[in-house]
Amino acid sequence: MHPPYPFPEIRSGWLLELPDLRHRRAPGTTCLTALESGVMGTIDDPLNDRKGCGGVMRVAPAGLIDPGDPFRLGCELAAITHGHPSGYLAAGILALVIDAIVAGHDLEAAITLARDELRRWPGHKECLAAVESALRLADEGPPTPERVARLGEGWVAEEALAISLYCALTAGDSFERGVLAAVNHSGDSDSTGAITGNILGALLGPEAIPQRWLEPLELRPEIEQVARDLYHHFGNPGEIPDPSTDWERYPGW
């Protein structure tokens, strides 16, 4: 028996009550170390000099909530755990790309907007070079494992972003084609698959996801509930959320 927790209210909320979320799923060492430190990293006061892809692969929602400055928000969220400029600037790019797609831009235009913003930030050269490599490679044709390998393996943020942009740019109107390209290489393929899915999902909509992929999806009802709640809060400004329902699901202790 575990001893009673002194503040049981912090253990409330429906997500904490899902046993499937208590399984080990190989979270990144940088993320765990940063979160265990008890200090929140920032752009101006970084915790480390890490640039793994754990920052960029989690920030797509920042492009969906109309924060006014999705690039900065993406950077700030990634900088909580990843202090290297490439670690958080890649996240800023993804957030702005998602925001621009939702606003009606095509993928190429969204990338252009993100590149223009990226150039305004210190330490951008490495990330900019990776994005430009992805654009050049997209002009050469559809992805193969050998072409993807020219962009790196995806373990670090700028490589994961570049691979994902390349796979999305060459996917045409096929969510499946883009994601399959992103997961069929010898590097950090689950991360590049996730980021590519973020981009193509925003670009093509949920109906583009193959049904045979959705049916066995683990925790699908919970994932869809979180997505609906995010939209309810941030994607539909005409609605006023019910604070009592929100507090029950996501207590702000």
C-alpha atoms as a PDB file:
ATOM      1  CA  MET A   1       0.000   0.000   0.000  1.00  0.00           C
ATOM      2  CA  HIS A   2       1.262   3.449  -0.883  1.00  0.00           C
ATOM      3  CA  PRO A   3       1.024   6.046   1.873  1.00  0.00           C
ATOM      4  CA  PRO A   4      -1.744   8.620   1.424  1.00  0.00           C
ATOM      5  CA  TYR A   5      -0.705  11.657  -0.568  1.00  0.00           C
ATOM      6  CA  PRO A   6      -0.697  14.901   1.457  1.00  0.00           C
ATOM      7  CA  PHE A   7      -2.479  16.773  -1.330  1.00  0.00           C
ATOM      8  CA  PRO A   8      -4.886  14.304  -2.970  1.00  0.00           C
ATOM      9  CA  GLU A   9      -6.503  17.042  -5.050  1.00  0.00           C
ATOM     10  CA  ILE A  10      -3.454  17.199  -7.307  1.00  0.00           C
ATOM     11  CA  ARG A  11      -4.112  13.598  -8.305  1.00  0.00           C
ATOM     12  CA  SER A  12      -7.615  14.306  -9.599  1.00  0.00           C
ATOM     13  CA  GLY A  13      -8.654  14.638 -13.227  1.00  0.00           C
ATOM     14  CA  TRP A  14      -9.857  12.067 -15.716  1.00  0.00           C
ATOM     15  CA  LEU A  15      -6.528  11.613 -17.515  1.00  0.00           C
ATOM     16  CA  LEU A  16      -4.802  10.611 -14.277  1.00  0.00           C
ATOM     17  CA  GLU A  17      -7.420   7.909 -13.804  1.00  0.00           C
ATOM     18  CA  LEU A  18      -6.618   6.147 -17.089  1.00  0.00           C
ATOM     19  CA  PRO A  19      -4.527   3.060 -16.294  1.00  0.00           C
ATOM     20  CA  ASP A  20      -3.210   2.870 -19.875  1.00  0.00           C
ATOM     21  CA  LEU A  21      -1.380   6.147 -19.304  1.00  0.00           C
ATOM     22  CA  ARG A  22       0.678   4.564 -16.523  1.00  0.00           C
ATOM     23  CA  HIS A  23       2.657   2.314 -18.838  1.00  0.00           C
ATOM     24  CA  ARG A  24       6.268   3.047 -19.621  1.00  0.00           C
ATOM     25  CA  ARG A  25       6.524   4.353 -23.164  1.00  0.00           C
ATOM     26  CA  ALA A  26      10.205   5.252 -23.407  1.00  0.00           C
ATOM     27  CA  PRO A  27      10.025   9.029 -22.895  1.00  0.00           C
ATOM     28  CA  GLY A  28      13.168  10.925 -23.826  1.00  0.00           C
ATOM     29  CA  THR A  29      15.899  11.237 -21.232  1.00  0.00           C
ATOM     30  CA  THR A  30      16.205  14.979 -21.802  1.00  0.00           C
ATOM     31  CA  CYS A  31      12.500  15.509 -21.171  1.00  0.00           C
ATOM     32  CA  LEU A  32      12.536  13.396 -18.016  1.00  0.00           C
ATOM     33  CA  THR A  33      15.679  15.017 -16.629  1.00  0.00           C
ATOM     34  CA  ALA A  34      14.339  18.514 -17.272  1.00  0.00           C
ATOM     35  CA  LEU A  35      10.963  17.798 -15.706  1.00  0.00           C
ATOM     36  CA  GLU A  36      12.528  16.093 -12.697  1.00  0.00           C
ATOM     37  CA  SER A  37      14.718  19.135 -12.063  1.00  0.00           C
ATOM     38  CA  GLY A  38      11.816  21.106 -10.633  1.00  0.00           C
ATOM     39  CA  VAL A  39      12.844  24.120 -12.725  1.00  0.00           C
ATOM     40  CA  MET A  40      11.186  25.209 -15.947  1.00  0.00           C
ATOM     41  CA  GLY A  41      13.607  25.959 -18.739  1.00  0.00           C
ATOM     42  CA  THR A  42      13.085  29.088 -20.843  1.00  0.00           C
ATOM     43  CA  ILE A  43      14.561  30.567 -23.997  1.00  0.00           C
ATOM     44  CA  ASP A  44      16.504  33.147 -21.961  1.00  0.00           C
ATOM     45  CA  ASP A  45      17.426  30.789 -19.127  1.00  0.00           C
ATOM     46  CA  PRO A  46      17.864  27.298 -20.637  1.00  0.00           C
ATOM     47  CA  LEU A  47      18.277  24.204 -18.508  1.00  0.00           C
ATOM     48  CA  ASN A  48      20.624  22.489 -20.928  1.00  0.00           C
ATOM     49  CA  ASP A  49      22.082  22.578 -24.423  1.00  0.00           C
ATOM     50  CA  ARG A  50      20.022  19.680 -25.785  1.00  0.00           C
ATOM     51  CA  LYS A  51      18.277  19.689 -29.162  1.00  0.00           C
ATOM     52  CA  GLY A  52      16.615  16.289 -29.334  1.00  0.00           C
ATOM     53  CA  CYS A  53      13.326  16.069 -31.178  1.00  0.00           C
ATOM     54  CA  GLY A  54      11.234  15.772 -27.996  1.00  0.00           C
ATOM     55  CA  GLY A  55      10.399  19.478 -28.138  1.00  0.00           C
ATOM     56  CA  VAL A  56       9.289  19.759 -31.745  1.00  0.00           C
ATOM     57  CA  MET A  57       7.240  16.565 -31.751  1.00  0.00           C
ATOM     58  CA  ARG A  58       4.899  17.803 -29.009  1.00  0.00           C
ATOM     59  CA  VAL A  59       4.065  21.368 -30.068  1.00  0.00           C
ATOM     60  CA  ALA A  60       1.629  20.988 -32.975  1.00  0.00           C
ATOM     61  CA  PRO A  61      -1.322  22.040 -30.753  1.00  0.00           C
ATOM     62  CA  ALA A  62       0.370  25.430 -30.358  1.00  0.00           C
ATOM     63  CA  GLY A  63      -0.481  26.040 -33.999  1.00  0.00           C
ATOM     64  CA  LEU A  64      -4.173  25.327 -33.416  1.00  0.00           C
ATOM     65  CA  ILE A  65      -5.037  27.713 -30.603  1.00  0.00           C
ATOM     66  CA  ASP A  66      -4.555  31.076 -32.328  1.00  0.00           C
ATOM     67  CA  PRO A  67      -2.160  32.412 -29.684  1.00  0.00           C
ATOM     68  CA  GLY A  68      -1.199  35.476 -31.702  1.00  0.00           C
ATOM     69  CA  ASP A  69       2.435  34.390 -32.016  1.00  0.00           C
ATOM     70  CA  PRO A  70       2.530  30.625 -32.631  1.00  0.00           C
ATOM     71  CA  PHE A  71       6.233  30.662 -33.443  1.00  0.00           C
ATOM     72  CA  ARG A  72       7.172  32.112 -30.071  1.00  0.00           C
ATOM     73  CA  LEU A  73       4.718  29.885 -28.233  1.00  0.00           C
ATOM     74  CA  GLY A  74       6.157  26.789 -29.921  1.00  0.00           C
ATOM     75  CA  CYS A  75       9.666  27.883 -28.962  1.00  0.00           C
ATOM     76  CA  GLU A  76       8.669  28.573 -25.371  1.00  0.00           C
ATOM     77  CA  LEU A  77       6.988  25.197 -24.963  1.00  0.00           C
ATOM     78  CA  ALA A  78       9.978  23.316 -26.362  1.00  0.00           C
ATOM     79  CA  ALA A  79      12.455  25.372 -24.319  1.00  0.00           C
ATOM     80  CA  ILE A  80      10.906  24.003 -21.119  1.00  0.00           C
ATOM     81  CA  THR A  81      13.007  20.899 -21.731  1.00  0.00           C
ATOM     82  CA  HIS A  82      15.335  21.639 -24.677  1.00  0.00           C
ATOM     83  CA  GLY A  83      17.667  24.613 -24.380  1.00  0.00           C
ATOM     84  CA  HIS A  84      19.605  24.512 -27.661  1.00  0.00           C
ATOM     85  CA  PRO A  85      18.316  27.026 -30.237  1.00  0.00           C
ATOM     86  CA  SER A  86      17.733  24.294 -32.818  1.00  0.00           C
ATOM     87  CA  GLY A  87      15.798  22.337 -30.204  1.00  0.00           C
ATOM     88  CA  TYR A  88      13.223  25.087 -29.742  1.00  0.00           C
ATOM     89  CA  LEU A  89      13.387  26.925 -33.082  1.00  0.00           C
ATOM     90  CA  ALA A  90      12.345  23.747 -34.900  1.00  0.00           C
ATOM     91  CA  ALA A  91       9.311  23.688 -32.625  1.00  0.00           C
ATOM     92  CA  GLY A  92       8.541  27.296 -33.467  1.00  0.00           C
ATOM     93  CA  ILE A  93       8.638  26.470 -37.161  1.00  0.00           C
ATOM     94  CA  LEU A  94       6.230  23.555 -36.775  1.00  0.00           C
ATOM     95  CA  ALA A  95       3.790  25.614 -34.699  1.00  0.00           C
ATOM     96  CA  LEU A  96       3.774  28.421 -37.264  1.00  0.00           C
ATOM     97  CA  VAL A  97       3.436  25.987 -40.184  1.00  0.00           C
ATOM     98  CA  ILE A  98       0.378  24.407 -38.539  1.00  0.00           C
ATOM     99  CA  ASP A  99      -1.087  27.834 -37.763  1.00  0.00           C
ATOM    100  CA  ALA A 100      -0.606  29.018 -41.350  1.00  0.00           C
ATOM    101  CA  ILE A 101      -2.158  25.852 -42.799  1.00  0.00           C
ATOM    102  CA  VAL A 102      -5.209  26.231 -40.576  1.00  0.00           C
ATOM    103  CA  ALA A 103      -5.465  29.853 -41.725  1.00  0.00           C
ATOM    104  CA  GLY A 104      -5.733  28.653 -45.341  1.00  0.00           C
ATOM    105  CA  HIS A 105      -2.179  28.683 -46.687  1.00  0.00           C
ATOM    106  CA  ASP A 106      -0.804  25.763 -48.645  1.00  0.00           C
ATOM    107  CA  LEU A 107       2.206  23.939 -47.225  1.00  0.00           C
ATOM    108  CA  GLU A 108       4.808  25.744 -49.322  1.00  0.00           C
ATOM    109  CA  ALA A 109       3.442  29.151 -48.324  1.00  0.00           C
ATOM    110  CA  ALA A 110       3.297  28.082 -44.683  1.00  0.00           C
ATOM    111  CA  ILE A 111       6.954  27.036 -44.784  1.00  0.00           C
ATOM    112  CA  THR A 112       7.892  30.352 -46.378  1.00  0.00           C
ATOM    113  CA  LEU A 113       6.196  32.257 -43.559  1.00  0.00           C
ATOM    114  CA  ALA A 114       7.971  30.117 -40.988  1.00  0.00           C
ATOM    115  CA  ARG A 115      11.359  30.569 -42.667  1.00  0.00           C
ATOM    116  CA  ASP A 116      10.913  34.331 -42.727  1.00  0.00           C
ATOM    117  CA  GLU A 117      10.153  34.343 -39.000  1.00  0.00           C
ATOM    118  CA  LEU A 118      12.996  31.933 -38.255  1.00  0.00           C
ATOM    119  CA  ARG A 119      15.545  34.309 -39.773  1.00  0.00           C
ATOM    120  CA  ARG A 120      14.657  36.897 -37.126  1.00  0.00           C
ATOM    121  CA  TRP A 121      15.830  34.686 -34.271  1.00  0.00           C
ATOM    122  CA  PRO A 122      19.394  34.258 -32.967  1.00  0.00           C
ATOM    123  CA  GLY A 123      20.978  30.873 -33.585  1.00  0.00           C
ATOM    124  CA  HIS A 124      18.759  30.070 -36.577  1.00  0.00           C
ATOM    125  CA  LYS A 125      21.345  29.019 -39.164  1.00  0.00           C
ATOM    126  CA  GLU A 126      21.387  25.292 -38.414  1.00  0.00           C
ATOM    127  CA  CYS A 127      17.619  25.020 -38.437  1.00  0.00           C
ATOM    128  CA  LEU A 128      17.280  27.136 -41.573  1.00  0.00           C
ATOM    129  CA  ALA A 129      19.819  24.969 -43.414  1.00  0.00           C
ATOM    130  CA  ALA A 130      17.811  21.838 -42.518  1.00  0.00           C
ATOM    131  CA  VAL A 131      14.540  23.321 -43.772  1.00  0.00           C
ATOM    132  CA  GLU A 132      16.138  24.475 -47.009  1.00  0.00           C
ATOM    133  CA  SER A 133      17.637  21.010 -47.519  1.00  0.00           C
ATOM    134  CA  ALA A 134      14.146  19.521 -47.210  1.00  0.00           C
ATOM    135  CA  LEU A 135      12.788  21.938 -49.804  1.00  0.00           C
ATOM    136  CA  ARG A 136      15.581  21.149 -52.252  1.00  0.00           C
ATOM    137  CA  LEU A 137      15.131  17.418 -51.773  1.00  0.00           C
ATOM    138  CA  ALA A 138      11.391  17.694 -52.384  1.00  0.00           C
ATOM    139  CA  ASP A 139      12.165  19.068 -55.835  1.00  0.00           C
ATOM    140  CA  GLU A 140      14.086  15.877 -56.656  1.00  0.00           C
ATOM    141  CA  GLY A 141      11.075  13.611 -56.327  1.00  0.00           C
ATOM    142  CA  PRO A 142       9.209  11.295 -53.950  1.00  0.00           C
ATOM    143  CA  PRO A 143      10.911   9.996 -50.828  1.00  0.00           C
ATOM    144  CA  THR A 144      12.967   6.851 -50.580  1.00  0.00           C
ATOM    145  CA  PRO A 145      14.856   5.687 -47.482  1.00  0.00           C
ATOM    146  CA  GLU A 146      18.072   6.778 -49.183  1.00  0.00           C
ATOM    147  CA  ARG A 147      16.765  10.294 -49.826  1.00  0.00           C
ATOM    148  CA  VAL A 148      15.412  10.613 -46.308  1.00  0.00           C
ATOM    149  CA  ALA A 149      18.823   9.592 -44.966  1.00  0.00           C
ATOM    150  CA  ARG A 150      20.354  12.622 -46.673  1.00  0.00           C
ATOM    151  CA  LEU A 151      18.444  14.786 -44.189  1.00  0.00           C
ATOM    152  CA  GLY A 152      19.746  12.850 -41.179  1.00  0.00           C
ATOM    153  CA  GLU A 153      18.122  10.339 -38.878  1.00  0.00           C
ATOM    154  CA  GLY A 154      15.701  12.573 -37.003  1.00  0.00           C
ATOM    155  CA  TRP A 155      17.076  12.156 -33.495  1.00  0.00           C
ATOM    156  CA  VAL A 156      17.717  15.893 -33.244  1.00  0.00           C
ATOM    157  CA  ALA A 157      15.062  18.525 -33.745  1.00  0.00           C
ATOM    158  CA  GLU A 158      16.133  20.156 -36.998  1.00  0.00           C
ATOM    159  CA  GLU A 159      16.590  16.762 -38.692  1.00  0.00           C
ATOM    160  CA  ALA A 160      13.206  15.483 -37.500  1.00  0.00           C
ATOM    161  CA  LEU A 161      11.560  18.658 -38.774  1.00  0.00           C
ATOM    162  CA  ALA A 162      13.359  18.469 -42.129  1.00  0.00           C
ATOM    163  CA  ILE A 163      12.408  14.825 -42.696  1.00  0.00           C
ATOM    164  CA  SER A 164       8.803  15.560 -41.794  1.00  0.00           C
ATOM    165  CA  LEU A 165       8.560  18.593 -44.061  1.00  0.00           C
ATOM    166  CA  TYR A 166      10.078  16.604 -46.920  1.00  0.00           C
ATOM    167  CA  CYS A 167       7.647  13.705 -46.482  1.00  0.00           C
ATOM    168  CA  ALA A 168       4.687  16.067 -46.211  1.00  0.00           C
ATOM    169  CA  LEU A 169       5.770  18.094 -49.250  1.00  0.00           C
ATOM    170  CA  THR A 170       5.999  14.954 -51.394  1.00  0.00           C
ATOM    171  CA  ALA A 171       2.810  13.309 -50.108  1.00  0.00           C
ATOM    172  CA  GLY A 172       0.454  15.048 -52.503  1.00  0.00           C
ATOM    173  CA  ASP A 173      -3.079  14.557 -51.214  1.00  0.00           C
ATOM    174  CA  SER A 174      -2.284  11.253 -49.489  1.00  0.00           C
ATOM    175  CA  PHE A 175      -1.931  11.206 -45.702  1.00  0.00           C
ATOM    176  CA  GLU A 176      -0.946   7.560 -45.931  1.00  0.00           C
ATOM    177  CA  ARG A 177       1.830   8.115 -48.453  1.00  0.00           C
ATOM    178  CA  GLY A 178       3.410  10.877 -46.411  1.00  0.00           C
ATOM    179  CA  VAL A 179       3.302   9.075 -43.078  1.00  0.00           C
ATOM    180  CA  LEU A 180       4.555   5.788 -44.524  1.00  0.00           C
ATOM    181  CA  ALA A 181       7.526   7.626 -46.003  1.00  0.00           C
ATOM    182  CA  ALA A 182       8.201   9.251 -42.647  1.00  0.00           C
ATOM    183  CA  VAL A 183       8.270   5.983 -40.697  1.00  0.00           C
ATOM    184  CA  ASN A 184      10.217   3.859 -43.172  1.00  0.00           C
ATOM    185  CA  HIS A 185      13.781   4.902 -42.471  1.00  0.00           C
ATOM    186  CA  SER A 186      16.443   3.760 -40.040  1.00  0.00           C
ATOM    187  CA  GLY A 187      16.355   6.761 -37.722  1.00  0.00           C
ATOM    188  CA  ASP A 188      13.849   8.128 -35.200  1.00  0.00           C
ATOM    189  CA  SER A 189      10.929   7.079 -37.349  1.00  0.00           C
ATOM    190  CA  ASP A 190       8.161   7.244 -34.746  1.00  0.00           C
ATOM    191  CA  SER A 191       8.965  10.913 -34.135  1.00  0.00           C
ATOM    192  CA  THR A 192       9.143  11.838 -37.808  1.00  0.00           C
ATOM    193  CA  GLY A 193       5.933   9.899 -38.423  1.00  0.00           C
ATOM    194  CA  ALA A 194       4.189  11.850 -35.663  1.00  0.00           C
ATOM    195  CA  ILE A 195       5.357  15.246 -36.944  1.00  0.00           C
ATOM    196  CA  THR A 196       4.462  14.389 -40.543  1.00  0.00           C
ATOM    197  CA  GLY A 197       1.042  13.291 -39.346  1.00  0.00           C
ATOM    198  CA  ASN A 198       0.612  16.614 -37.545  1.00  0.00           C
ATOM    199  CA  ILE A 199       1.318  18.525 -40.748  1.00  0.00           C
ATOM    200  CA  LEU A 200      -0.757  16.378 -43.079  1.00  0.00           C
ATOM    201  CA  GLY A 201      -3.612  16.159 -40.597  1.00  0.00           C
ATOM    202  CA  ALA A 202      -3.857  19.945 -40.521  1.00  0.00           C
ATOM    203  CA  LEU A 203      -3.490  20.112 -44.296  1.00  0.00           C
ATOM    204  CA  LEU A 204      -5.844  17.310 -45.381  1.00  0.00           C
ATOM    205  CA  GLY A 205      -8.230  16.926 -42.434  1.00  0.00           C
ATOM    206  CA  PRO A 206      -9.145  13.883 -40.328  1.00  0.00           C
ATOM    207  CA  GLU A 207     -11.067  12.252 -43.151  1.00  0.00           C
ATOM    208  CA  ALA A 208      -7.742  11.696 -44.932  1.00  0.00           C
ATOM    209  CA  ILE A 209      -6.565   9.263 -42.231  1.00  0.00           C
ATOM    210  CA  PRO A 210      -7.139   5.662 -43.366  1.00  0.00           C
ATOM    211  CA  GLN A 211      -9.956   4.082 -41.392  1.00  0.00           C
ATOM    212  CA  ARG A 212      -7.963   0.885 -40.931  1.00  0.00           C
ATOM    213  CA  TRP A 213      -5.409   2.941 -39.014  1.00  0.00           C
ATOM    214  CA  LEU A 214      -8.025   4.529 -36.780  1.00  0.00           C
ATOM    215  CA  GLU A 215      -9.924   1.394 -35.781  1.00  0.00           C
ATOM    216  CA  PRO A 216      -7.116  -0.232 -33.695  1.00  0.00           C
ATOM    217  CA  LEU A 217      -5.765   3.080 -32.363  1.00  0.00           C
ATOM    218  CA  GLU A 218      -4.960   2.817 -28.669  1.00  0.00           C
ATOM    219  CA  LEU A 219      -6.834   5.285 -26.457  1.00  0.00           C
ATOM    220  CA  ARG A 220      -8.724   6.620 -29.468  1.00  0.00           C
ATOM    221  CA  PRO A 221     -11.804   7.824 -27.494  1.00  0.00           C
ATOM    222  CA  GLU A 222      -9.598   9.709 -25.052  1.00  0.00           C
ATOM    223  CA  ILE A 223      -7.457  11.232 -27.810  1.00  0.00           C
ATOM    224  CA  GLU A 224     -10.568  12.414 -29.640  1.00  0.00           C
ATOM    225  CA  GLN A 225     -12.020  13.817 -26.410  1.00  0.00           C
ATOM    226  CA  VAL A 226      -8.893  15.868 -25.758  1.00  0.00           C
ATOM    227  CA  ALA A 227      -8.983  17.103 -29.365  1.00  0.00           C
ATOM    228  CA  ARG A 228     -12.635  18.146 -29.009  1.00  0.00           C
ATOM    229  CA  ASP A 229     -11.869  19.917 -25.748  1.00  0.00           C
ATOM    230  CA  LEU A 230      -8.970  21.800 -27.326  1.00  0.00           C
ATOM    231  CA  TYR A 231     -11.178  22.883 -30.206  1.00  0.00           C
ATOM    232  CA  HIS A 232     -13.976  23.818 -27.810  1.00  0.00           C
ATOM    233  CA  HIS A 233     -11.590  26.125 -25.982  1.00  0.00           C
ATOM    234  CA  PHE A 234      -9.432  27.541 -28.699  1.00  0.00           C
ATOM    235  CA  GLY A 235     -10.846  26.756 -32.129  1.00  0.00           C
ATOM    236  CA  ASN A 236     -14.392  28.033 -31.816  1.00  0.00           C
ATOM    237  CA  PRO A 237     -14.354  31.582 -30.430  1.00  0.00           C
ATOM    238  CA  GLY A 238     -18.139  31.829 -30.675  1.00  0.00           C
ATOM    239  CA  GLU A 239     -18.607  29.333 -27.836  1.00  0.00           C
ATOM    240  CA  ILE A 240     -18.064  30.000 -24.163  1.00  0.00           C
ATOM    241  CA  PRO A 241     -16.726  26.868 -22.418  1.00  0.00           C
ATOM    242  CA  ASP A 242     -18.501  25.594 -19.326  1.00  0.00           C
ATOM    243  CA  PRO A 243     -15.956  26.139 -16.526  1.00  0.00           C
ATOM    244  CA  SER A 244     -17.435  23.454 -14.287  1.00  0.00           C
ATOM    245  CA  THR A 245     -16.961  20.770 -16.929  1.00  0.00           C
ATOM    246  CA  ASP A 246     -13.446  21.974 -17.651  1.00  0.00           C
ATOM    247  CA  TRP A 247     -12.503  21.954 -13.989  1.00  0.00           C
ATOM    248  CA  GLU A 248     -13.750  18.409 -13.573  1.00  0.00           C
ATOM    249  CA  ARG A 249     -11.712  17.129 -16.521  1.00  0.00           C
ATOM    250  CA  TYR A 250      -8.652  19.331 -16.205  1.00  0.00           C
ATOM    251  CA  PRO A 251      -8.407  20.624 -12.619  1.00  0.00           C
ATOM    252  CA  GLY A 252      -6.163  23.634 -12.344  1.00  0.00           C
ATOM    253  CA  TRP A 253      -4.559  22.708  -9.055  1.00  0.00           C
END
